[in-house]
Each structure stands twice: as C-alpha cells, then as structure tokens.
C-alpha cells in the first residue's frame, strides 16, 4: 500500500489479476487498472512467468525506491533490512 502515490497499470500482454481494495480485476492486453494511494493492492499473473504490464506512478519520486534497492543489491545487501528501510522512506506498507 502506498502512502504517497497512485498507480496505473496498463496490460501489454498476458492475463493478470489485480486486487485493489476488496475487488479483483482480471485484465488482458489493453486493460487499464487504477490503484489509488492508501488502498491496498496486489498483482499476480494468471499464468506464472508470462505477461507484461506498464506501471505509471503519480506523483514522481517513487523511482527512488527501486534505485535504493538496486544500490543495495549492487553492494551485496538487498535483504530484508534494505526493503524495510526503503519501504519506510517511501511510504510503503507491506500487508499480508
């Protein structure tokens, strides 16, 4: 769940299931799914390891989350602590 950003997913190929709040959306090529900030969301592929989608995030800045994880990976420290640190900094709450 994001505290600061809205996400928009555009399905390029494959079949996907997006969960936004309490609703599941099955989405194929050309479909668009919106996940507003403060609303839990998740994604899974209908067929594992297949399909692609484009993610747009607004406002800008969330790319820093991935840059920090990439830097931690390069330094050999991309474990749970790196995820926790980046998640806290970028307002991400992981729900189970």
Protein backbone atom coordinates (compact mmCIF):
# COMPACT_ATOMS: atom_id res chain seq x y z
CA UNK A 1 0.00 0.00 0.00
CA UNK A 2 1.38 3.40 -0.96
CA UNK A 3 1.01 6.46 1.25
CA UNK A 4 2.12 8.95 -1.40
CA UNK A 5 1.43 7.64 -4.90
CA UNK A 6 -1.37 6.47 -7.14
CA UNK A 7 -0.57 3.67 -9.60
CA UNK A 8 -2.00 2.96 -13.03
CA UNK A 9 -1.32 -0.39 -14.69
CA UNK A 10 -1.61 -0.86 -18.47
CA UNK A 11 -1.53 -4.51 -19.56
CA UNK A 12 0.72 -5.08 -22.57
CA UNK A 13 0.43 -8.87 -22.85
CA UNK A 14 -0.82 -11.88 -20.94
CA UNK A 15 -3.60 -12.29 -18.41
CA UNK A 16 -3.27 -10.72 -14.97
CA UNK A 17 -5.33 -10.43 -11.82
CA UNK A 18 -5.12 -7.17 -9.89
CA UNK A 19 -6.56 -6.84 -6.42
CA UNK A 20 -7.47 -3.27 -5.48
CA UNK A 21 -9.08 -2.95 -2.08
CA UNK A 22 -11.53 -5.86 -1.83
CA UNK A 23 -12.06 -6.26 -5.59
CA UNK A 24 -10.28 -8.49 -8.10
CA UNK A 25 -9.89 -7.32 -11.69
CA UNK A 26 -8.97 -9.81 -14.40
CA UNK A 27 -7.09 -7.87 -17.07
CA UNK A 28 -5.78 -8.75 -20.51
CA UNK A 29 -3.95 -6.76 -23.20
CA UNK A 30 -5.17 -3.16 -23.42
CA UNK A 31 -6.80 -3.17 -19.98
CA UNK A 32 -6.10 -0.38 -17.51
CA UNK A 33 -6.34 -0.77 -13.70
CA UNK A 34 -6.09 2.13 -11.24
CA UNK A 35 -4.81 1.67 -7.68
CA UNK A 36 -5.18 4.85 -5.60
CA UNK A 37 -2.87 5.68 -2.72
CA UNK A 38 -3.95 4.39 0.71
CA UNK A 39 -5.78 1.43 -0.89
CA UNK A 40 -4.11 -1.99 -0.61
CA UNK A 41 -3.35 -3.57 -3.96
CA UNK A 42 -1.59 -6.59 -5.39
CA UNK A 43 -0.93 -8.30 -8.69
CA UNK A 44 -0.49 -11.83 -9.95
CA UNK A 45 -0.18 -13.36 -13.38
CA UNK A 46 -2.90 -15.79 -14.41
CA UNK A 47 -0.15 -17.97 -15.91
CA UNK A 48 3.06 -17.76 -13.85
CA UNK A 49 6.06 -16.10 -15.53
CA UNK A 50 4.08 -14.81 -18.52
CA UNK A 51 2.81 -11.39 -19.50
CA UNK A 52 3.92 -7.79 -19.11
CA UNK A 53 2.38 -4.55 -17.96
CA UNK A 54 3.43 -0.94 -17.78
CA UNK A 55 3.15 0.83 -14.42
CA UNK A 56 2.70 4.58 -14.15
CA UNK A 57 3.10 6.26 -10.76
CA UNK A 58 2.00 9.75 -9.76
CA UNK A 59 3.43 11.94 -8.41
CA UNK A 60 7.02 11.30 -9.47
CA UNK A 61 9.65 10.20 -6.97
CA UNK A 62 8.80 6.55 -6.35
CA UNK A 63 11.55 5.52 -8.76
CA UNK A 64 13.93 6.28 -5.88
CA UNK A 65 12.58 3.18 -4.09
CA UNK A 66 13.88 0.98 -6.91
CA UNK A 67 17.16 2.89 -7.17
CA UNK A 68 17.83 2.32 -3.47
CA UNK A 69 17.07 -1.40 -3.73
CA UNK A 70 19.30 -1.65 -6.81
CA UNK A 71 22.15 0.09 -4.97
CA UNK A 72 21.71 -2.27 -2.01
CA UNK A 73 21.79 -5.24 -4.38
CA UNK A 74 25.00 -3.97 -6.01
CA UNK A 75 26.56 -3.57 -2.58
CA UNK A 76 25.52 -7.10 -1.61
CA UNK A 77 22.92 -6.01 0.94
CA UNK A 78 19.50 -6.37 -0.73
CA UNK A 79 17.98 -8.32 2.15
CA UNK A 80 15.01 -7.64 4.37
CA UNK A 81 16.69 -4.66 6.02
CA UNK A 82 17.13 -2.86 2.68
CA UNK A 83 13.46 -3.45 1.82
CA UNK A 84 12.35 -2.24 5.23
CA UNK A 85 14.50 0.88 5.06
CA UNK A 86 13.36 1.81 1.52
CA UNK A 87 9.72 0.97 2.30
CA UNK A 88 9.72 3.25 5.33
CA UNK A 89 11.38 6.08 3.41
CA UNK A 90 8.92 5.85 0.50
CA UNK A 91 5.73 5.25 2.47
CA UNK A 92 5.17 1.61 1.50
CA UNK A 93 3.27 -0.72 3.83
CA UNK A 94 3.51 -4.44 3.02
CA UNK A 95 0.33 -6.26 4.03
CA UNK A 96 -0.06 -10.00 4.46
